């Protein structure tokens, strides 16, 4: 019989293993999984930026196209990762781990709710790529040899889109969001819809219809529209057992799996809030 078995039989809790320096640092709030995802997305984009610079040195037009492609990729990822079906798909995968798996693995899978790090970083970097793309477009417009290649309408729409994207990013900053949360919700929602419309206008003015960027934009648009196509109005009973907990009970028509989430709203055009699902049998 091992010392651990003796301790368990005696009802004593075994001493936790001593963590090394790296493990202790990773436990700090600064290195939480949300921030790790932000770093991963940022590094991938830095690598892509290095490649874009190399392309730009060889062919300026190809560099302009590369920046726009990276913009569309980040924008699509930012939208899809927040789509309710994608979110519940991630939660479903994370909760499929059998209890026989090591606790450390299941604990890590439980960090799936940090997926917002991908959304935040991809959306912010998409805005940066757009500003780079806009700078390239502006330089081409003022250049005598390239000015005829740039549509004035696309140029004006792009500057309007830049203003909308900057407003979305600014109101999403933690210190702004916490003070004016309702404003953040509305700017994020209405600004997001407006930016999609402007993206469609600028894309159709500068890109062939058979381009993959149009297909990616269509996928992002469908992702935004899908929840509205399946929207239901149902009676909701809300209990508040404490000042920081709300229990919303309702019958949506099907029983969700434990670990999933559902978005609720009293005013669908203004704000939405996601709740963890606790299914009741039958």
Protein backbone atom coordinates (compact mmCIF):
# COMPACT_ATOMS: atom_id res chain seq x y z
CA UNK A 1 0.00 0.00 0.00
CA UNK A 2 1.39 3.39 -1.01
CA UNK A 3 1.55 6.49 1.15
CA UNK A 4 -1.22 8.02 -0.98
CA UNK A 5 -3.52 5.04 -0.33
CA UNK A 6 -2.85 5.29 3.40
CA UNK A 7 -3.63 9.01 3.33
CA UNK A 8 -6.87 8.45 1.42
CA UNK A 9 -8.01 5.70 3.83
CA UNK A 10 -7.22 7.95 6.76
CA UNK A 11 -9.33 10.70 5.25
CA UNK A 12 -6.36 13.02 4.81
CA UNK A 13 -5.93 15.15 1.72
CA UNK A 14 -2.65 14.38 -0.08
CA UNK A 15 -0.19 17.25 -0.37
CA UNK A 16 -0.29 18.90 -3.80
CA UNK A 17 2.78 18.55 -5.96
CA UNK A 18 5.26 21.37 -5.80
CA UNK A 19 4.98 23.49 -8.96
CA UNK A 20 8.05 24.61 -10.87
CA UNK A 21 8.68 28.26 -11.78
CA UNK A 22 7.05 28.02 -15.24
CA UNK A 23 3.90 26.41 -13.84
CA UNK A 24 3.62 29.12 -11.19
CA UNK A 25 3.96 31.86 -13.80
CA UNK A 26 1.31 30.31 -16.03
CA UNK A 27 -1.09 30.38 -13.08
CA UNK A 28 -0.89 34.16 -12.95
CA UNK A 29 -3.86 36.13 -14.22
CA UNK A 30 -1.68 37.74 -16.87
CA UNK A 31 -1.17 34.35 -18.51
CA UNK A 32 -4.78 33.17 -18.36
CA UNK A 33 -6.00 31.17 -21.34
CA UNK A 34 -7.84 34.19 -22.78
CA UNK A 35 -4.57 36.10 -23.07
CA UNK A 36 -2.74 33.04 -24.40
CA UNK A 37 -5.21 32.86 -27.29
CA UNK A 38 -4.67 36.57 -27.94
CA UNK A 39 -0.92 35.95 -28.15
CA UNK A 40 -1.34 32.98 -30.52
CA UNK A 41 -3.56 34.94 -32.93
CA UNK A 42 -1.21 37.93 -32.75
CA UNK A 43 1.87 35.81 -33.50
CA UNK A 44 0.16 34.20 -36.50
CA UNK A 45 -0.63 37.65 -37.84
CA UNK A 46 2.91 38.89 -37.20
CA UNK A 47 4.20 35.96 -39.24
CA UNK A 48 1.70 36.83 -41.98
CA UNK A 49 2.76 40.50 -41.83
CA UNK A 50 6.38 39.48 -42.41
CA UNK A 51 5.26 37.55 -45.47
CA UNK A 52 3.23 40.53 -46.70
CA UNK A 53 6.28 42.81 -46.46
CA UNK A 54 8.26 40.37 -48.60
CA UNK A 55 5.47 40.30 -51.19
CA UNK A 56 5.17 44.09 -51.07
CA UNK A 57 8.85 44.52 -51.93
CA UNK A 58 8.41 42.40 -55.04
CA UNK A 59 4.96 43.57 -56.16
CA UNK A 60 3.10 46.46 -54.55
CA UNK A 61 -0.27 45.39 -55.95
CA UNK A 62 0.17 41.86 -54.58
CA UNK A 63 1.07 43.34 -51.19
CA UNK A 64 -2.15 45.39 -51.23
CA UNK A 65 -4.14 42.23 -52.03
CA UNK A 66 -2.35 40.28 -49.26
CA UNK A 67 -3.30 42.88 -46.65
CA UNK A 68 -6.93 42.73 -47.79
CA UNK A 69 -6.93 38.91 -47.66
CA UNK A 70 -5.56 38.94 -44.11
CA UNK A 71 -8.25 41.46 -43.19
CA UNK A 72 -11.02 39.18 -44.50
CA UNK A 73 -9.55 36.11 -42.77
CA UNK A 74 -9.39 37.82 -39.37
CA UNK A 75 -12.84 39.35 -39.80
CA UNK A 76 -14.39 35.98 -40.68
CA UNK A 77 -12.70 34.24 -37.73
CA UNK A 78 -13.82 37.01 -35.34
CA UNK A 79 -17.46 36.64 -36.44
CA UNK A 80 -17.61 32.84 -36.63
CA UNK A 81 -16.02 32.23 -33.22
CA UNK A 82 -18.85 34.21 -31.58
CA UNK A 83 -21.63 32.45 -33.52
CA UNK A 84 -23.92 30.64 -31.06
CA UNK A 85 -23.81 27.32 -32.91
CA UNK A 86 -20.02 27.45 -33.14
CA UNK A 87 -19.80 28.32 -29.44
CA UNK A 88 -22.03 25.40 -28.46
CA UNK A 89 -20.07 23.17 -30.82
CA UNK A 90 -16.88 24.04 -28.92
CA UNK A 91 -18.65 23.44 -25.60
CA UNK A 92 -19.96 20.09 -26.87
CA UNK A 93 -16.45 18.96 -27.81
CA UNK A 94 -15.04 20.13 -24.48
CA UNK A 95 -17.65 18.17 -22.51
CA UNK A 96 -17.18 14.92 -24.45
CA UNK A 97 -14.05 14.01 -22.49
CA UNK A 98 -14.72 10.87 -20.39
CA UNK A 99 -14.19 11.09 -16.63
CA UNK A 100 -11.41 8.51 -16.99
CA UNK A 101 -9.20 11.14 -18.61
CA UNK A 102 -6.64 12.87 -16.35
CA UNK A 103 -8.05 15.75 -14.34
CA UNK A 104 -5.41 18.09 -15.77
CA UNK A 105 -6.70 17.44 -19.31
CA UNK A 106 -10.35 17.93 -18.35
CA UNK A 107 -9.42 21.06 -16.39
CA UNK A 108 -7.77 22.49 -19.51
CA UNK A 109 -10.80 21.62 -21.65
CA UNK A 110 -12.91 23.49 -19.12
CA UNK A 111 -11.10 26.66 -20.17
CA UNK A 112 -12.96 26.58 -23.48
CA UNK A 113 -14.99 29.60 -22.31
CA UNK A 114 -11.89 31.74 -22.96
CA UNK A 115 -12.67 31.51 -26.70
CA UNK A 116 -13.39 35.24 -26.51
CA UNK A 117 -9.65 35.78 -26.74
CA UNK A 118 -9.81 34.66 -30.38
CA UNK A 119 -12.74 36.99 -31.09
CA UNK A 120 -11.13 40.02 -29.46
CA UNK A 121 -7.71 39.61 -31.04
CA UNK A 122 -8.98 38.67 -34.51
CA UNK A 123 -11.42 41.61 -34.58
CA UNK A 124 -8.81 44.10 -33.37
CA UNK A 125 -6.19 42.83 -35.80
CA UNK A 126 -8.75 42.86 -38.63
CA UNK A 127 -9.22 46.56 -37.89
CA UNK A 128 -5.45 47.11 -38.02
CA UNK A 129 -5.22 45.26 -41.35
CA UNK A 130 -8.07 47.38 -42.66
CA UNK A 131 -6.28 50.60 -41.67
CA UNK A 132 -3.12 49.32 -43.41
CA UNK A 133 -5.20 48.48 -46.46
CA UNK A 134 -6.81 51.92 -46.34
CA UNK A 135 -3.37 53.53 -46.15
CA UNK A 136 -2.31 51.58 -49.23
CA UNK A 137 -5.51 52.62 -51.00
CA UNK A 138 -4.92 56.27 -50.11
CA UNK A 139 -1.35 56.12 -51.38
CA UNK A 140 -2.57 54.59 -54.65
CA UNK A 141 -5.23 57.28 -55.02
CA UNK A 142 -2.80 60.18 -54.68
CA UNK A 143 -0.29 58.50 -57.00
CA UNK A 144 -0.72 59.81 -60.57
CA UNK A 145 -0.09 56.41 -62.08
CA UNK A 146 -2.54 54.49 -59.86
CA UNK A 147 -5.37 56.94 -59.15
CA UNK A 148 -7.58 55.57 -61.94
CA UNK A 149 -7.50 52.11 -60.32
CA UNK A 150 -9.27 53.27 -57.15
CA UNK A 151 -13.00 53.96 -57.10
CA UNK A 152 -13.84 57.22 -55.33
CA UNK A 153 -17.00 55.60 -53.97
CA UNK A 154 -15.00 52.65 -52.57
CA UNK A 155 -12.49 55.09 -51.09
CA UNK A 156 -15.21 57.12 -49.33
CA UNK A 157 -16.97 53.99 -48.08
CA UNK A 158 -13.66 52.66 -46.76
CA UNK A 159 -13.07 55.77 -44.67
CA UNK A 160 -16.60 55.52 -43.28
CA UNK A 161 -15.96 51.87 -42.46
CA UNK A 162 -12.71 52.81 -40.71
CA UNK A 163 -14.64 55.15 -38.43
CA UNK A 164 -17.17 52.44 -37.55
CA UNK A 165 -14.47 49.84 -36.82
CA UNK A 166 -12.49 52.24 -34.61
CA UNK A 167 -15.69 53.07 -32.67
CA UNK A 168 -16.36 49.34 -32.13
CA UNK A 169 -12.83 48.66 -30.91
CA UNK A 170 -12.79 51.76 -28.65
CA UNK A 171 -16.08 50.99 -26.90
CA UNK A 172 -14.96 47.36 -26.40
CA UNK A 173 -11.88 48.40 -24.39
CA UNK A 174 -12.33 47.17 -20.78
CA UNK A 175 -12.23 50.59 -19.10
CA UNK A 176 -14.79 52.00 -21.57
CA UNK A 177 -16.98 48.88 -21.66
CA UNK A 178 -17.28 48.67 -17.87
CA UNK A 179 -18.40 52.29 -17.49
CA UNK A 180 -20.80 52.39 -20.45
CA UNK A 181 -21.84 48.79 -21.01
CA UNK A 182 -25.17 49.59 -22.70
CA UNK A 183 -23.40 51.92 -25.12
CA UNK A 184 -20.86 49.18 -25.85
CA UNK A 185 -23.67 46.72 -26.61
CA UNK A 186 -25.38 49.04 -29.06
CA UNK A 187 -22.23 50.23 -30.82
CA UNK A 188 -21.02 46.65 -31.09
CA UNK A 189 -24.32 45.46 -32.56
CA UNK A 190 -25.35 48.33 -34.80
CA UNK A 191 -21.76 49.09 -35.72
CA UNK A 192 -21.21 45.43 -36.59
CA UNK A 193 -24.21 45.38 -38.91
CA UNK A 194 -23.17 48.68 -40.50
CA UNK A 195 -19.62 47.45 -41.02
CA UNK A 196 -20.89 44.30 -42.75
CA UNK A 197 -22.94 46.43 -45.17
CA UNK A 198 -19.96 48.69 -45.85
CA UNK A 199 -17.67 45.69 -46.29
CA UNK A 200 -20.06 44.33 -48.92
CA UNK A 201 -20.11 47.65 -50.77
CA UNK A 202 -16.33 48.09 -50.78
CA UNK A 203 -15.71 44.42 -51.63
CA UNK A 204 -18.11 44.36 -54.57
CA UNK A 205 -16.55 47.57 -55.90
CA UNK A 206 -12.99 46.22 -55.73
CA UNK A 207 -13.23 42.41 -55.96
CA UNK A 208 -14.60 39.98 -58.58
CA UNK A 209 -17.76 38.10 -57.56
CA UNK A 210 -16.04 34.72 -57.89
CA UNK A 211 -13.31 35.68 -55.40
CA UNK A 212 -12.88 33.61 -52.22
CA UNK A 213 -13.07 36.84 -50.22
CA UNK A 214 -16.67 37.29 -51.38
CA UNK A 215 -17.42 33.71 -50.28
CA UNK A 216 -15.81 34.37 -46.86
CA UNK A 217 -17.84 37.56 -46.46
CA UNK A 218 -21.01 35.66 -47.42
CA UNK A 219 -20.22 33.02 -44.78
CA UNK A 220 -19.71 35.71 -42.13
CA UNK A 221 -22.98 37.39 -43.13
CA UNK A 222 -24.88 34.10 -42.96
CA UNK A 223 -23.37 33.48 -39.52
CA UNK A 224 -24.71 36.83 -38.31
CA UNK A 225 -28.14 36.28 -39.86
CA UNK A 226 -28.67 32.67 -38.73
CA UNK A 227 -29.67 33.39 -35.09
CA UNK A 228 -32.30 35.85 -36.33
CA UNK A 229 -33.75 33.18 -38.61
CA UNK A 230 -34.26 30.92 -35.58
CA UNK A 231 -35.34 33.57 -33.08
CA UNK A 232 -38.15 32.59 -30.71
CA UNK A 233 -40.21 34.61 -28.29
CA UNK A 234 -40.98 32.57 -25.17
CA UNK A 235 -42.10 33.41 -21.63
CA UNK A 236 -39.16 33.55 -19.23
CA UNK A 237 -39.34 33.22 -15.44
CA UNK A 238 -36.44 35.01 -13.74
CA UNK A 239 -35.36 34.40 -10.15
CA UNK A 240 -32.61 36.32 -8.37
CA UNK A 241 -31.40 34.30 -5.37
CA UNK A 242 -28.64 36.87 -4.79
CA UNK A 243 -27.54 40.26 -6.07
CA UNK A 244 -25.16 38.72 -8.61
CA UNK A 245 -27.08 35.64 -9.81
CA UNK A 246 -30.04 35.39 -12.17
CA UNK A 247 -31.82 32.11 -12.94
CA UNK A 248 -33.85 32.33 -16.15
CA UNK A 249 -36.23 29.39 -16.66
CA UNK A 250 -38.08 28.78 -19.93
CA UNK A 251 -39.08 26.08 -22.42
CA UNK A 252 -37.45 26.75 -25.79
CA UNK A 253 -38.86 23.60 -27.35
CA UNK A 254 -35.92 21.28 -26.87
CA UNK A 255 -33.60 20.20 -24.07
CA UNK A 256 -30.04 21.58 -24.46
CA UNK A 257 -27.02 19.60 -23.37
CA UNK A 258 -25.28 20.44 -20.12
CA UNK A 259 -22.41 22.80 -20.78
CA UNK A 260 -24.09 24.65 -23.64
CA UNK A 261 -25.29 28.25 -23.59
CA UNK A 262 -28.30 30.22 -24.79
CA UNK A 263 -28.50 33.93 -25.62
CA UNK A 264 -31.44 35.86 -24.17
CA UNK A 265 -32.69 39.37 -24.75
CA UNK A 266 -35.52 41.60 -23.61
CA UNK A 267 -34.79 43.97 -26.51
CA UNK A 268 -33.26 41.99 -29.40
CA UNK A 269 -32.20 45.05 -31.39
CA UNK A 270 -30.26 46.51 -28.46
CA UNK A 271 -28.53 43.82 -26.42
CA UNK A 272 -28.06 40.09 -25.87
CA UNK A 273 -26.75 38.12 -22.89
CA UNK A 274 -25.53 34.52 -22.87
CA UNK A 275 -26.54 32.17 -20.05
CA UNK A 276 -25.16 28.72 -19.21
CA UNK A 277 -27.77 26.00 -19.75
CA UNK A 278 -28.77 23.72 -16.87
CA UNK A 279 -31.19 21.25 -18.53
CA UNK A 280 -34.07 19.80 -16.50
CA UNK A 281 -34.99 16.17 -17.38
CA UNK A 282 -38.15 15.85 -19.49
